[in-house]
Amino acid sequence: MKHPVTETSDLPRISVITPSFNQAKFLERTICSVLDQGYPNLEYIIVDGGSTDGSVDIIRQYEHRLTWWVSEPDRGQSDAINKGLRRATGEWVAWQNSDDIYYPGAFLDLVRTATERPDADLIIGDMMLIDEHDRPLRDIRYVTPHYRALLAEGMVLTNQAAFWRRALHDRVGFLDENLHYCFDYEWFLRLTQHAKGAHSKRIWGGLRLHGETKTSRQAQRFEEERARILAGRQLGLWQKRLWKMRRLGLMLAQGQVSYLMRGLMRHAQGRGAELT
């Protein structure tokens, strides 16, 4: 008997949006990481902001496999993502940045997890930090997402490995286009207030570290925007510690002992304040 999610007719539609602007160096790898999933009920949308670096030529090479794409000026990344989300028709939706990737099998693992957890509206996987050549640098492990966990510790999930039910947009709306640096953090805060979460222990996405990312070039603006998002809803120190202990306890229950030990070693060597 076949697994229930291996029958094509049973597979839910997945919509992926890639916002793009002058990322020709990495864009094709992003596109291939989506299309090479081999997922038969895929809706793939690329929203390019009017690139001038050859990105449009790359997109055209794959347009026969895209549901829709456009290249035109926009008001930033959140605007581009919203353009795609408003066109999406899938049961599950996500965005993948034009310099990041999905790992093989991510979409089918999403469907398996959704089948096992039909009550979940937001499902996340784990993530790998990668370099400019796709080489793995370090894995990042997560637990079931929760609104207060995000308030306590920040981005304890990532868009590179997160999918949510499109129906949630009727209640939650779309990304805040007034935000340009921490719009993903604000979005997932809003989403986790309305969505029941679930977590898969498989690595779904790769976050690329390179010198041209907004994070590396605009650290101060990230902090300023983050402070505005958190204004009036910060948790106390004891609450932050409680939610951190929750995460560590769940990781231990998952058997992530070696991962936590690696985090402790990095902390002891001064290579990061976080245990993970």
C-alpha atoms as a PDB file:
ATOM      1  CA  MET A   1       0.000   0.000   0.000  1.00  0.00           C
ATOM      2  CA  LYS A   2       1.392   3.403  -0.931  1.00  0.00           C
ATOM      3  CA  HIS A   3       1.944   6.146   1.635  1.00  0.00           C
ATOM      4  CA  PRO A   4      -1.096   8.467   1.479  1.00  0.00           C
ATOM      5  CA  VAL A   5       1.002  11.491   0.482  1.00  0.00           C
ATOM      6  CA  THR A   6       2.729   9.752  -2.435  1.00  0.00           C
ATOM      7  CA  GLU A   7      -0.421   9.725  -4.568  1.00  0.00           C
ATOM      8  CA  THR A   8      -0.255  12.803  -6.802  1.00  0.00           C
ATOM      9  CA  SER A   9      -4.003  13.364  -6.594  1.00  0.00           C
ATOM     10  CA  ASP A  10      -3.753  13.648  -2.819  1.00  0.00           C
ATOM     11  CA  LEU A  11      -0.956  16.188  -2.736  1.00  0.00           C
ATOM     12  CA  PRO A  12      -2.027  19.689  -1.686  1.00  0.00           C
ATOM     13  CA  ARG A  13      -0.958  22.604  -3.838  1.00  0.00           C
ATOM     14  CA  ILE A  14       2.121  24.397  -2.517  1.00  0.00           C
ATOM     15  CA  SER A  15       2.776  27.998  -3.566  1.00  0.00           C
ATOM     16  CA  VAL A  16       6.296  29.399  -3.305  1.00  0.00           C
ATOM     17  CA  ILE A  17       7.134  33.046  -3.961  1.00  0.00           C
ATOM     18  CA  THR A  18      10.674  34.228  -4.669  1.00  0.00           C
ATOM     19  CA  PRO A  19      11.264  37.989  -4.369  1.00  0.00           C
ATOM     20  CA  SER A  20      14.306  38.957  -6.407  1.00  0.00           C
ATOM     21  CA  PHE A  21      16.442  41.998  -7.072  1.00  0.00           C
ATOM     22  CA  ASN A  22      19.922  41.887  -8.632  1.00  0.00           C
ATOM     23  CA  GLN A  23      20.792  38.449  -7.253  1.00  0.00           C
ATOM     24  CA  ALA A  24      21.891  36.844 -10.528  1.00  0.00           C
ATOM     25  CA  LYS A  25      24.854  35.267  -8.756  1.00  0.00           C
ATOM     26  CA  PHE A  26      22.563  33.038  -6.684  1.00  0.00           C
ATOM     27  CA  LEU A  27      19.130  33.210  -8.301  1.00  0.00           C
ATOM     28  CA  GLU A  28      19.426  30.125 -10.501  1.00  0.00           C
ATOM     29  CA  ARG A  29      20.368  27.992  -7.510  1.00  0.00           C
ATOM     30  CA  THR A  30      17.276  29.225  -5.692  1.00  0.00           C
ATOM     31  CA  ILE A  31      15.046  28.489  -8.680  1.00  0.00           C
ATOM     32  CA  CYS A  32      16.479  24.991  -9.128  1.00  0.00           C
ATOM     33  CA  SER A  33      16.096  24.211  -5.423  1.00  0.00           C
ATOM     34  CA  VAL A  34      12.352  24.831  -5.832  1.00  0.00           C
ATOM     35  CA  LEU A  35      11.799  23.140  -9.189  1.00  0.00           C
ATOM     36  CA  ASP A  36      14.094  20.188  -8.474  1.00  0.00           C
ATOM     37  CA  GLN A  37      11.887  19.159  -5.561  1.00  0.00           C
ATOM     38  CA  GLY A  38       9.944  17.330  -8.260  1.00  0.00           C
ATOM     39  CA  TYR A  39       6.738  18.205  -6.452  1.00  0.00           C
ATOM     40  CA  PRO A  40       3.873  17.719  -8.916  1.00  0.00           C
ATOM     41  CA  ASN A  41       1.384  20.200  -7.444  1.00  0.00           C
ATOM     42  CA  LEU A  42       3.651  23.239  -7.254  1.00  0.00           C
ATOM     43  CA  GLU A  43       2.800  26.858  -7.986  1.00  0.00           C
ATOM     44  CA  TYR A  44       6.030  28.852  -8.328  1.00  0.00           C
ATOM     45  CA  ILE A  45       5.944  32.643  -8.583  1.00  0.00           C
ATOM     46  CA  ILE A  46       8.938  34.958  -9.028  1.00  0.00           C
ATOM     47  CA  VAL A  47       8.572  38.674  -8.367  1.00  0.00           C
ATOM     48  CA  ASP A  48      11.601  40.579  -9.584  1.00  0.00           C
ATOM     49  CA  GLY A  49      12.060  44.237  -8.702  1.00  0.00           C
ATOM     50  CA  GLY A  50      13.415  45.328 -12.065  1.00  0.00           C
ATOM     51  CA  SER A  51      16.874  43.754 -11.917  1.00  0.00           C
ATOM     52  CA  THR A  52      19.593  44.953 -14.292  1.00  0.00           C
ATOM     53  CA  ASP A  53      22.238  42.299 -13.600  1.00  0.00           C
ATOM     54  CA  GLY A  54      21.021  39.480 -15.853  1.00  0.00           C
ATOM     55  CA  SER A  55      18.463  38.078 -13.410  1.00  0.00           C
ATOM     56  CA  VAL A  56      15.655  38.467 -15.926  1.00  0.00           C
ATOM     57  CA  ASP A  57      17.561  36.345 -18.468  1.00  0.00           C
ATOM     58  CA  ILE A  58      17.859  33.615 -15.843  1.00  0.00           C
ATOM     59  CA  ILE A  59      14.159  33.788 -15.021  1.00  0.00           C
ATOM     60  CA  ARG A  60      13.244  33.528 -18.712  1.00  0.00           C
ATOM     61  CA  GLN A  61      15.187  30.266 -18.967  1.00  0.00           C
ATOM     62  CA  TYR A  62      12.701  28.735 -16.526  1.00  0.00           C
ATOM     63  CA  GLU A  63       9.505  30.640 -17.337  1.00  0.00           C
ATOM     64  CA  HIS A  64       7.894  27.568 -18.920  1.00  0.00           C
ATOM     65  CA  ARG A  65       7.963  25.985 -15.461  1.00  0.00           C
ATOM     66  CA  LEU A  66       6.764  29.065 -13.575  1.00  0.00           C
ATOM     67  CA  THR A  67       3.146  29.832 -12.797  1.00  0.00           C
ATOM     68  CA  TRP A  68       3.728  33.575 -13.045  1.00  0.00           C
ATOM     69  CA  TRP A  69       6.600  36.031 -12.964  1.00  0.00           C
ATOM     70  CA  VAL A  70       7.134  39.734 -13.365  1.00  0.00           C
ATOM     71  CA  SER A  71      10.049  42.160 -13.420  1.00  0.00           C
ATOM     72  CA  GLU A  72       9.080  45.691 -12.463  1.00  0.00           C
ATOM     73  CA  PRO A  73      10.005  48.299  -9.833  1.00  0.00           C
ATOM     74  CA  ASP A  74       8.510  47.675  -6.410  1.00  0.00           C
ATOM     75  CA  ARG A  75       8.561  49.215  -2.951  1.00  0.00           C
ATOM     76  CA  GLY A  76      10.884  46.633  -1.445  1.00  0.00           C
ATOM     77  CA  GLN A  77      11.015  42.989  -0.493  1.00  0.00           C
ATOM     78  CA  SER A  78       7.810  42.896   1.546  1.00  0.00           C
ATOM     79  CA  ASP A  79       5.906  44.508  -1.344  1.00  0.00           C
ATOM     80  CA  ALA A  80       7.315  41.917  -3.755  1.00  0.00           C
ATOM     81  CA  ILE A  81       6.367  39.014  -1.480  1.00  0.00           C
ATOM     82  CA  ASN A  82       2.851  40.378  -1.049  1.00  0.00           C
ATOM     83  CA  LYS A  83       2.425  40.601  -4.833  1.00  0.00           C
ATOM     84  CA  GLY A  84       3.134  36.896  -5.010  1.00  0.00           C
ATOM     85  CA  LEU A  85       1.051  35.940  -1.985  1.00  0.00           C
ATOM     86  CA  ARG A  86      -1.984  37.742  -3.384  1.00  0.00           C
ATOM     87  CA  ARG A  87      -1.697  35.669  -6.580  1.00  0.00           C
ATOM     88  CA  ALA A  88      -1.040  32.386  -4.785  1.00  0.00           C
ATOM     89  CA  THR A  89      -3.712  29.694  -4.849  1.00  0.00           C
ATOM     90  CA  GLY A  90      -1.971  26.916  -2.907  1.00  0.00           C
ATOM     91  CA  GLU A  91      -3.207  25.404   0.328  1.00  0.00           C
ATOM     92  CA  TRP A  92       0.284  25.981   1.746  1.00  0.00           C
ATOM     93  CA  VAL A  93       2.385  29.048   0.965  1.00  0.00           C
ATOM     94  CA  ALA A  94       5.903  30.297   1.641  1.00  0.00           C
ATOM     95  CA  TRP A  95       8.579  32.573   0.277  1.00  0.00           C
ATOM     96  CA  GLN A  96      12.168  31.713  -0.475  1.00  0.00           C
ATOM     97  CA  ASN A  97      14.688  34.526  -0.936  1.00  0.00           C
ATOM     98  CA  SER A  98      16.625  34.741  -4.194  1.00  0.00           C
ATOM     99  CA  ASP A  99      19.942  33.897  -2.519  1.00  0.00           C
ATOM    100  CA  ASP A 100      18.679  31.005  -0.358  1.00  0.00           C
ATOM    101  CA  ILE A 101      17.675  27.423  -1.146  1.00  0.00           C
ATOM    102  CA  TYR A 102      15.427  24.529  -0.236  1.00  0.00           C
ATOM    103  CA  TYR A 103      16.947  21.142   0.488  1.00  0.00           C
ATOM    104  CA  PRO A 104      15.715  18.082  -1.451  1.00  0.00           C
ATOM    105  CA  GLY A 105      12.577  16.491  -0.061  1.00  0.00           C
ATOM    106  CA  ALA A 106      11.427  19.562   1.868  1.00  0.00           C
ATOM    107  CA  PHE A 107       8.019  19.808   0.175  1.00  0.00           C
ATOM    108  CA  LEU A 108       7.138  16.149   0.615  1.00  0.00           C
ATOM    109  CA  ASP A 109       8.221  16.304   4.248  1.00  0.00           C
ATOM    110  CA  LEU A 110       5.939  19.304   4.721  1.00  0.00           C
ATOM    111  CA  VAL A 111       3.032  17.257   3.366  1.00  0.00           C
ATOM    112  CA  ARG A 112       3.894  14.287   5.585  1.00  0.00           C
ATOM    113  CA  THR A 113       4.019  16.522   8.639  1.00  0.00           C
ATOM    114  CA  ALA A 114       0.728  18.194   7.688  1.00  0.00           C
ATOM    115  CA  THR A 115      -0.862  14.745   7.291  1.00  0.00           C
ATOM    116  CA  GLU A 116       0.346  13.739  10.742  1.00  0.00           C
ATOM    117  CA  ARG A 117      -0.664  17.093  12.240  1.00  0.00           C
ATOM    118  CA  PRO A 118      -3.896  18.167  10.507  1.00  0.00           C
ATOM    119  CA  ASP A 119      -4.496  20.757  13.246  1.00  0.00           C
ATOM    120  CA  ALA A 120      -1.332  22.693  12.329  1.00  0.00           C
ATOM    121  CA  ASP A 121      -1.551  25.968  10.406  1.00  0.00           C
ATOM    122  CA  LEU A 122       2.174  26.813  10.488  1.00  0.00           C
ATOM    123  CA  ILE A 123       4.792  24.115   9.939  1.00  0.00           C
ATOM    124  CA  ILE A 124       8.517  24.714  10.148  1.00  0.00           C
ATOM    125  CA  GLY A 125      11.615  22.638   9.527  1.00  0.00           C
ATOM    126  CA  ASP A 126      15.240  23.092  10.510  1.00  0.00           C
ATOM    127  CA  MET A 127      17.797  25.148   8.610  1.00  0.00           C
ATOM    128  CA  MET A 128      21.406  25.043   7.443  1.00  0.00           C
ATOM    129  CA  LEU A 129      23.670  28.080   7.210  1.00  0.00           C
ATOM    130  CA  ILE A 130      25.543  27.855   3.901  1.00  0.00           C
ATOM    131  CA  ASP A 131      28.305  29.827   2.199  1.00  0.00           C
ATOM    132  CA  GLU A 132      28.463  31.364  -1.289  1.00  0.00           C
ATOM    133  CA  HIS A 133      29.210  27.939  -2.799  1.00  0.00           C
ATOM    134  CA  ASP A 134      26.349  26.093  -1.024  1.00  0.00           C
ATOM    135  CA  ARG A 135      28.765  24.490   1.429  1.00  0.00           C
ATOM    136  CA  PRO A 136      27.142  23.828   4.828  1.00  0.00           C
ATOM    137  CA  LEU A 137      28.500  25.936   7.689  1.00  0.00           C
ATOM    138  CA  ARG A 138      26.259  25.090  10.628  1.00  0.00           C
ATOM    139  CA  ASP A 139      22.828  23.616  11.227  1.00  0.00           C
ATOM    140  CA  ILE A 140      20.163  25.544  13.130  1.00  0.00           C
ATOM    141  CA  ARG A 141      17.603  23.426  14.988  1.00  0.00           C
ATOM    142  CA  TYR A 142      14.168  24.609  16.073  1.00  0.00           C
ATOM    143  CA  VAL A 143      11.160  23.449  18.077  1.00  0.00           C
ATOM    144  CA  THR A 144       7.414  23.963  17.684  1.00  0.00           C
ATOM    145  CA  PRO A 145       6.913  27.711  17.120  1.00  0.00           C
ATOM    146  CA  HIS A 146       4.988  29.858  19.604  1.00  0.00           C
ATOM    147  CA  TYR A 147       4.205  33.579  19.773  1.00  0.00           C
ATOM    148  CA  ARG A 148       5.777  34.116  23.197  1.00  0.00           C
ATOM    149  CA  ALA A 149       8.862  32.178  22.181  1.00  0.00           C
ATOM    150  CA  LEU A 150       9.413  34.712  19.385  1.00  0.00           C
ATOM    151  CA  LEU A 151       8.925  37.578  21.834  1.00  0.00           C
ATOM    152  CA  ALA A 152      11.390  36.004  24.250  1.00  0.00           C
ATOM    153  CA  GLU A 153      14.165  34.943  21.884  1.00  0.00           C
ATOM    154  CA  GLY A 154      13.600  36.565  18.520  1.00  0.00           C
ATOM    155  CA  MET A 155      13.598  34.598  15.265  1.00  0.00           C
ATOM    156  CA  VAL A 156      13.357  31.038  16.542  1.00  0.00           C
ATOM    157  CA  LEU A 157      12.116  30.030  13.093  1.00  0.00           C
ATOM    158  CA  THR A 158      12.965  31.175   9.586  1.00  0.00           C
ATOM    159  CA  ASN A 159      11.170  31.774   6.308  1.00  0.00           C
ATOM    160  CA  GLN A 160      13.738  29.534   4.571  1.00  0.00           C
ATOM    161  CA  ALA A 161      12.041  26.576   6.280  1.00  0.00           C
ATOM    162  CA  ALA A 162       8.459  27.649   7.025  1.00  0.00           C
ATOM    163  CA  PHE A 163       5.078  27.115   5.356  1.00  0.00           C
ATOM    164  CA  TRP A 164       1.630  28.238   6.465  1.00  0.00           C
ATOM    165  CA  ARG A 165      -1.938  27.753   5.294  1.00  0.00           C
ATOM    166  CA  ARG A 166      -2.958  30.400   2.781  1.00  0.00           C
ATOM    167  CA  ALA A 167      -6.361  30.663   4.479  1.00  0.00           C
ATOM    168  CA  LEU A 168      -4.641  32.431   7.378  1.00  0.00           C
ATOM    169  CA  HIS A 169      -4.282  35.555   5.254  1.00  0.00           C
ATOM    170  CA  ASP A 170      -8.010  36.146   5.605  1.00  0.00           C
ATOM    171  CA  ARG A 171      -7.444  36.682   9.343  1.00  0.00           C
ATOM    172  CA  VAL A 172      -3.848  37.889   9.507  1.00  0.00           C
ATOM    173  CA  GLY A 173      -3.550  39.990   6.379  1.00  0.00           C
ATOM    174  CA  PHE A 174      -0.227  40.241   4.555  1.00  0.00           C
ATOM    175  CA  LEU A 175       3.299  41.451   5.278  1.00  0.00           C
ATOM    176  CA  ASP A 176       3.714  45.010   6.560  1.00  0.00           C
ATOM    177  CA  GLU A 177       5.123  46.933   3.590  1.00  0.00           C
ATOM    178  CA  ASN A 178       6.242  49.779   5.853  1.00  0.00           C
ATOM    179  CA  LEU A 179       8.921  47.466   7.248  1.00  0.00           C
ATOM    180  CA  HIS A 180      12.081  46.760   5.250  1.00  0.00           C
ATOM    181  CA  TYR A 181      14.470  44.929   7.602  1.00  0.00           C
ATOM    182  CA  CYS A 182      12.468  42.985  10.188  1.00  0.00           C
ATOM    183  CA  PHE A 183       9.245  42.460   8.241  1.00  0.00           C
ATOM    184  CA  ASP A 184       9.713  38.692   8.543  1.00  0.00           C
ATOM    185  CA  TYR A 185       9.946  38.921  12.340  1.00  0.00           C
ATOM    186  CA  GLU A 186       6.783  41.039  12.554  1.00  0.00           C
ATOM    187  CA  TRP A 187       5.029  38.671  10.156  1.00  0.00           C
ATOM    188  CA  PHE A 188       5.812  35.547  12.148  1.00  0.00           C
ATOM    189  CA  LEU A 189       4.857  37.277  15.395  1.00  0.00           C
ATOM    190  CA  ARG A 190       1.476  38.066  13.864  1.00  0.00           C
ATOM    191  CA  LEU A 191       1.155  34.623  12.342  1.00  0.00           C
ATOM    192  CA  THR A 192       1.916  32.717  15.549  1.00  0.00           C
ATOM    193  CA  GLN A 193      -0.813  34.667  17.337  1.00  0.00           C
ATOM    194  CA  HIS A 194      -3.368  33.000  15.057  1.00  0.00           C
ATOM    195  CA  ALA A 195      -1.749  29.735  13.940  1.00  0.00           C
ATOM    196  CA  LYS A 196      -1.141  26.439  15.681  1.00  0.00           C
ATOM    197  CA  GLY A 197       2.413  25.365  14.982  1.00  0.00           C
ATOM    198  CA  ALA A 198       4.199  22.114  14.234  1.00  0.00           C
ATOM    199  CA  HIS A 199       7.852  21.245  13.639  1.00  0.00           C
ATOM    200  CA  SER A 200       9.744  18.726  11.523  1.00  0.00           C
ATOM    201  CA  LYS A 201      13.253  17.730  12.585  1.00  0.00           C
ATOM    202  CA  ARG A 202      14.464  17.617   8.970  1.00  0.00           C
ATOM    203  CA  ILE A 203      16.516  20.390   7.395  1.00  0.00           C
ATOM    204  CA  TRP A 204      14.308  22.124   4.834  1.00  0.00           C
ATOM    205  CA  GLY A 205      16.151  25.304   3.918  1.00  0.00           C
ATOM    206  CA  GLY A 206      19.553  26.876   3.519  1.00  0.00           C
ATOM    207  CA  LEU A 207      20.270  30.462   4.560  1.00  0.00           C
ATOM    208  CA  ARG A 208      23.201  31.839   2.620  1.00  0.00           C
ATOM    209  CA  LEU A 209      25.787  33.980   4.388  1.00  0.00           C
ATOM    210  CA  HIS A 210      27.586  36.416   2.117  1.00  0.00           C
ATOM    211  CA  GLY A 211      28.762  40.012   2.217  1.00  0.00           C
ATOM    212  CA  GLU A 212      25.850  41.524   0.289  1.00  0.00           C
ATOM    213  CA  THR A 213      22.998  40.471   2.572  1.00  0.00           C
ATOM    214  CA  LYS A 214      20.946  43.201   4.236  1.00  0.00           C
ATOM    215  CA  THR A 215      21.751  41.661   7.621  1.00  0.00           C
ATOM    216  CA  SER A 216      25.486  42.111   7.131  1.00  0.00           C
ATOM    217  CA  ARG A 217      25.202  45.678   5.785  1.00  0.00           C
ATOM    218  CA  GLN A 218      22.388  47.228   7.828  1.00  0.00           C
ATOM    219  CA  ALA A 219      22.708  45.869  11.373  1.00  0.00           C
ATOM    220  CA  GLN A 220      21.770  49.142  13.069  1.00  0.00           C
ATOM    221  CA  ARG A 221      18.607  49.571  11.003  1.00  0.00           C
ATOM    222  CA  PHE A 222      17.586  46.013  11.818  1.00  0.00           C
ATOM    223  CA  GLU A 223      17.886  46.772  15.530  1.00  0.00           C
ATOM    224  CA  GLU A 224      15.921  50.014  15.223  1.00  0.00           C
ATOM    225  CA  GLU A 225      13.087  48.351  13.350  1.00  0.00           C
ATOM    226  CA  ARG A 226      13.049  45.398  15.725  1.00  0.00           C
ATOM    227  CA  ALA A 227      12.759  47.746  18.703  1.00  0.00           C
ATOM    228  CA  ARG A 228       9.715  49.425  17.122  1.00  0.00           C
ATOM    229  CA  ILE A 229       8.075  46.052  16.512  1.00  0.00           C
ATOM    230  CA  LEU A 230       8.576  44.985  20.129  1.00  0.00           C
ATOM    231  CA  ALA A 231       7.534  48.296  21.694  1.00  0.00           C
ATOM    232  CA  GLY A 232       4.962  47.676  24.417  1.00  0.00           C
ATOM    233  CA  ARG A 233       5.123  43.882  24.369  1.00  0.00           C
ATOM    234  CA  GLN A 234       8.560  42.958  25.695  1.00  0.00           C
ATOM    235  CA  LEU A 235       8.737  40.081  28.140  1.00  0.00           C
ATOM    236  CA  GLY A 236      10.446  40.257  31.503  1.00  0.00           C
ATOM    237  CA  LEU A 237      13.807  38.586  32.114  1.00  0.00           C
ATOM    238  CA  TRP A 238      12.294  35.654  33.997  1.00  0.00           C
ATOM    239  CA  GLN A 239       9.803  35.063  31.183  1.00  0.00           C
ATOM    240  CA  LYS A 240      12.593  35.058  28.602  1.00  0.00           C
ATOM    241  CA  ARG A 241      14.498  32.517  30.664  1.00  0.00           C
ATOM    242  CA  LEU A 242      11.380  30.373  30.994  1.00  0.00           C
ATOM    243  CA  TRP A 243      10.846  30.270  27.225  1.00  0.00           C
ATOM    244  CA  LYS A 244      14.514  29.516  26.625  1.00  0.00           C
ATOM    245  CA  MET A 245      14.264  26.619  29.082  1.00  0.00           C
ATOM    246  CA  ARG A 246      11.177  25.423  27.184  1.00  0.00           C
ATOM    247  CA  ARG A 247      13.174  25.343  23.956  1.00  0.00           C
ATOM    248  CA  LEU A 248      16.093  23.528  25.532  1.00  0.00           C
ATOM    249  CA  GLY A 249      13.751  21.026  27.178  1.00  0.00           C
ATOM    250  CA  LEU A 250      11.990  20.283  23.897  1.00  0.00           C
ATOM    251  CA  MET A 251      15.340  19.833  22.162  1.00  0.00           C
ATOM    252  CA  LEU A 252      16.444  17.367  24.816  1.00  0.00           C
ATOM    253  CA  ALA A 253      13.168  15.504  24.363  1.00  0.00           C
ATOM    254  CA  GLN A 254      13.954  15.336  20.627  1.00  0.00           C
ATOM    255  CA  GLY A 255      17.349  13.810  21.394  1.00  0.00           C
ATOM    256  CA  GLN A 256      19.304  16.901  20.279  1.00  0.00           C
ATOM    257  CA  VAL A 257      21.997  16.417  22.925  1.00  0.00           C
ATOM    258  CA  SER A 258      24.975  16.676  20.559  1.00  0.00           C
ATOM    259  CA  TYR A 259      23.510  19.827  18.996  1.00  0.00           C
ATOM    260  CA  LEU A 260      23.153  21.469  22.410  1.00  0.00           C
ATOM    261  CA  MET A 261      26.676  20.414  23.371  1.00  0.00           C
ATOM    262  CA  ARG A 262      28.041  22.042  20.212  1.00  0.00           C
ATOM    263  CA  GLY A 263      26.173  25.198  21.174  1.00  0.00           C
ATOM    264  CA  LEU A 264      27.698  25.150  24.653  1.00  0.00           C
ATOM    265  CA  MET A 265      31.162  24.789  23.151  1.00  0.00           C
ATOM    266  CA  ARG A 266      30.628  27.768  20.843  1.00  0.00           C
ATOM    267  CA  HIS A 267      29.360  29.785  23.789  1.00  0.00           C
ATOM    268  CA  ALA A 268      32.407  28.849  25.882  1.00  0.00           C
ATOM    269  CA  GLN A 269      34.719  29.817  23.022  1.00  0.00           C
ATOM    270  CA  GLY A 270      33.027  33.191  22.684  1.00  0.00           C
ATOM    271  CA  ARG A 271      31.617  32.465  19.219  1.00  0.00           C
ATOM    272  CA  GLY A 272      28.015  33.274  20.118  1.00  0.00           C
ATOM    273  CA  ALA A 273      25.880  34.230  23.046  1.00  0.00           C
ATOM    274  CA  GLU A 274      23.211  31.636  22.236  1.00  0.00           C
ATOM    275  CA  LEU A 275      23.457  27.987  23.190  1.00  0.00           C
ATOM    276  CA  THR A 276      22.232  27.021  19.736  1.00  0.00           C
END
